[in-house]
Amino acid sequence: MRALHIIMLILFSSTHYGQSKRAIYLLFENGKHDVCHISPFRDGRNSKKVLYQQRVTESFFVYANTYFKIKSGSILQYKSKQEVEKMQIATIDEFWQEFRAAPGNRNYLTNPNLIFDGIYILTLVENKRYIVYQVEWMEMFNE
C-alpha cells in the first residue's frame, strides 16, 4: 500500500510539474538598448539594474548576461505582426522571474531549458513579419 502511495505521489508531482510548463517568447532587436536586472547567481541575489544592448554574436542572441543559441534541429517559423501582437511576450527579467518561481526548481539548479515548454526568440524581418527561432539557454560567463 505504501508503494502505491509513493507511485501516486510521483505521478501527481510529475503531472503537476508538466502541466505548469509553458512556452516563453522573447522579442529581440539587434542593437536595441534596454534595462534589466542582472545577477551573477541564478537565485537573483546581488542583482543590479543595468542598461544593456541586445546583440547577436556568431552563435548567440545576447540579452545582458543571458545567452541563447538556436536549438539544433528546430524549424524556423514565421509569424505576422497581428499574430505576434496576440502573443504574451516576456522581457528577460520576466524570463528569470518565471524560472525562479517554477515548481520543482529547488535551489535554482534546474536548467532553464527544462523549466519552459520551449524558449522562442522573435525577430522582426520585415515591417509586418517575424521569424521565430526556438532557442536554448546557455550557461555563459562574461569577461
Protein backbone atom coordinates (compact mmCIF):
# COMPACT_ATOMS: atom_id res chain seq x y z
CA MET A 1 0.00 0.00 0.00
CA ARG A 2 2.84 2.39 0.87
CA ALA A 3 4.46 1.70 -2.51
CA LEU A 4 1.18 2.62 -4.23
CA HIS A 5 1.08 5.93 -2.34
CA ILE A 6 4.66 6.72 -3.36
CA ILE A 7 3.95 5.91 -7.02
CA MET A 8 0.82 8.08 -6.99
CA LEU A 9 2.75 10.94 -5.39
CA ILE A 10 5.45 10.72 -8.06
CA LEU A 11 2.87 10.60 -10.87
CA PHE A 12 0.93 13.53 -9.42
CA SER A 13 4.10 15.58 -8.96
CA SER A 14 5.36 14.96 -12.48
CA THR A 15 1.92 15.62 -13.99
CA HIS A 16 1.52 18.82 -12.00
CA TYR A 17 5.01 19.98 -12.92
CA GLY A 18 4.48 19.14 -16.60
CA GLN A 19 1.19 20.99 -16.74
CA SER A 20 2.68 24.17 -15.32
CA LYS A 21 5.26 24.47 -18.11
CA ARG A 22 4.59 26.97 -20.85
CA ALA A 23 6.47 28.26 -23.83
CA ILE A 24 8.10 31.64 -23.37
CA TYR A 25 8.61 34.21 -26.12
CA LEU A 26 11.23 36.97 -26.09
CA LEU A 27 11.37 39.84 -28.58
CA PHE A 28 14.85 40.54 -29.93
CA GLU A 29 16.06 43.67 -31.74
CA ASN A 30 19.77 43.63 -32.52
CA GLY A 31 21.37 46.82 -31.20
CA LYS A 32 18.36 47.84 -29.07
CA HIS A 33 19.19 49.34 -25.69
CA ASP A 34 17.14 48.11 -22.77
CA VAL A 35 17.21 47.89 -18.97
CA CYS A 36 17.16 44.70 -16.91
CA HIS A 37 18.33 43.29 -13.61
CA ILE A 38 21.40 41.08 -13.75
CA SER A 39 22.80 38.81 -11.11
CA PRO A 40 25.80 36.53 -11.05
CA PHE A 41 23.53 33.99 -9.32
CA ARG A 42 20.51 32.10 -10.64
CA ASP A 43 18.54 32.91 -7.48
CA GLY A 44 18.76 36.62 -8.30
CA ARG A 45 20.66 37.77 -5.23
CA ASN A 46 23.02 40.73 -5.60
CA SER A 47 21.14 41.80 -8.72
CA LYS A 48 21.63 45.25 -10.12
CA LYS A 49 19.74 47.26 -12.69
CA VAL A 50 21.79 47.80 -15.84
CA LEU A 51 21.45 49.33 -19.27
CA TYR A 52 22.44 46.82 -21.93
CA GLN A 53 22.39 46.42 -25.67
CA GLN A 54 20.79 43.39 -27.28
CA ARG A 55 23.31 41.85 -29.66
CA VAL A 56 23.93 38.90 -31.89
CA THR A 57 27.32 37.18 -31.90
CA GLU A 58 28.40 34.41 -34.26
CA SER A 59 26.41 31.85 -32.30
CA PHE A 60 24.24 33.61 -29.73
CA PHE A 61 21.42 36.03 -29.07
CA VAL A 62 22.60 38.05 -26.06
CA TYR A 63 20.47 39.91 -23.51
CA ALA A 64 22.85 41.48 -20.97
CA ASN A 65 24.42 38.41 -19.29
CA THR A 66 21.92 35.87 -20.69
CA TYR A 67 22.84 33.86 -23.78
CA PHE A 68 20.65 31.81 -26.11
CA LYS A 69 21.62 29.70 -29.13
CA ILE A 70 19.37 28.36 -31.85
CA LYS A 71 18.25 24.86 -30.90
CA SER A 72 19.67 22.31 -33.29
CA GLY A 73 17.08 20.63 -35.46
CA SER A 74 14.50 23.35 -34.83
CA ILE A 75 12.38 24.63 -37.69
CA LEU A 76 12.09 28.34 -38.31
CA GLN A 77 8.59 29.69 -38.09
CA TYR A 78 7.17 32.92 -39.43
CA LYS A 79 4.51 34.98 -37.67
CA SER A 80 2.62 38.02 -38.84
CA LYS A 81 2.63 41.22 -36.82
CA GLN A 82 -1.02 40.53 -35.90
CA GLU A 83 -0.14 37.06 -34.57
CA VAL A 84 2.74 38.45 -32.50
CA GLU A 85 0.53 41.18 -31.03
CA LYS A 86 -1.77 38.44 -29.65
CA MET A 87 1.14 36.55 -28.03
CA GLN A 88 2.34 37.03 -24.48
CA ILE A 89 5.86 38.40 -24.99
CA ALA A 90 8.17 38.33 -21.96
CA THR A 91 11.10 40.51 -21.05
CA ILE A 92 14.40 38.99 -19.98
CA ASP A 93 13.55 39.95 -16.37
CA GLU A 94 10.24 38.05 -16.67
CA PHE A 95 12.13 35.05 -18.08
CA TRP A 96 14.27 34.90 -14.92
CA GLN A 97 11.31 35.60 -12.60
CA GLU A 98 9.39 32.66 -14.08
CA PHE A 99 12.49 30.49 -13.83
CA ARG A 100 12.87 31.30 -10.13
CA ALA A 101 9.17 30.76 -9.40
CA ALA A 102 8.87 27.43 -11.25
CA PRO A 103 7.65 24.49 -9.16
CA GLY A 104 10.30 21.87 -8.59
CA ASN A 105 13.15 24.32 -9.16
CA ARG A 106 14.71 23.69 -5.78
CA ASN A 107 17.87 25.73 -5.17
CA TYR A 108 17.52 27.17 -8.69
CA LEU A 109 19.70 24.37 -10.06
CA THR A 110 17.31 23.25 -12.79
CA ASN A 111 18.39 24.17 -16.29
CA PRO A 112 16.04 26.88 -17.62
CA ASN A 113 15.58 24.81 -20.80
CA LEU A 114 13.73 22.24 -18.65
CA ILE A 115 11.51 24.81 -16.93
CA PHE A 116 9.82 26.07 -20.09
CA ASP A 117 7.98 24.17 -22.78
CA GLY A 118 10.20 25.85 -25.34
CA ILE A 119 12.05 29.16 -25.41
CA TYR A 120 11.50 31.26 -28.52
CA ILE A 121 13.05 34.46 -29.82
CA LEU A 122 11.15 36.62 -32.27
CA THR A 123 12.97 39.00 -34.62
CA LEU A 124 11.31 41.46 -36.99
CA VAL A 125 12.49 40.80 -40.56
CA GLU A 126 10.03 42.88 -42.49
CA ASN A 127 7.57 45.55 -41.48
CA LYS A 128 4.85 43.02 -40.73
CA ARG A 129 6.64 39.70 -40.37
CA TYR A 130 8.70 37.99 -37.66
CA ILE A 131 11.00 34.98 -37.65
CA VAL A 132 10.53 32.74 -34.62
CA TYR A 133 13.64 30.85 -33.51
CA GLN A 134 13.44 28.04 -30.99
CA VAL A 135 16.47 28.57 -28.76
CA GLU A 136 18.25 27.08 -25.79
CA TRP A 137 19.59 28.98 -22.80
CA MET A 138 23.36 28.63 -22.47
CA GLU A 139 25.43 28.80 -19.29
CA MET A 140 28.00 31.50 -20.05
CA PHE A 141 30.47 33.51 -18.07
CA ASN A 142 31.13 37.12 -19.01
CA GLU A 143 34.59 38.52 -19.19
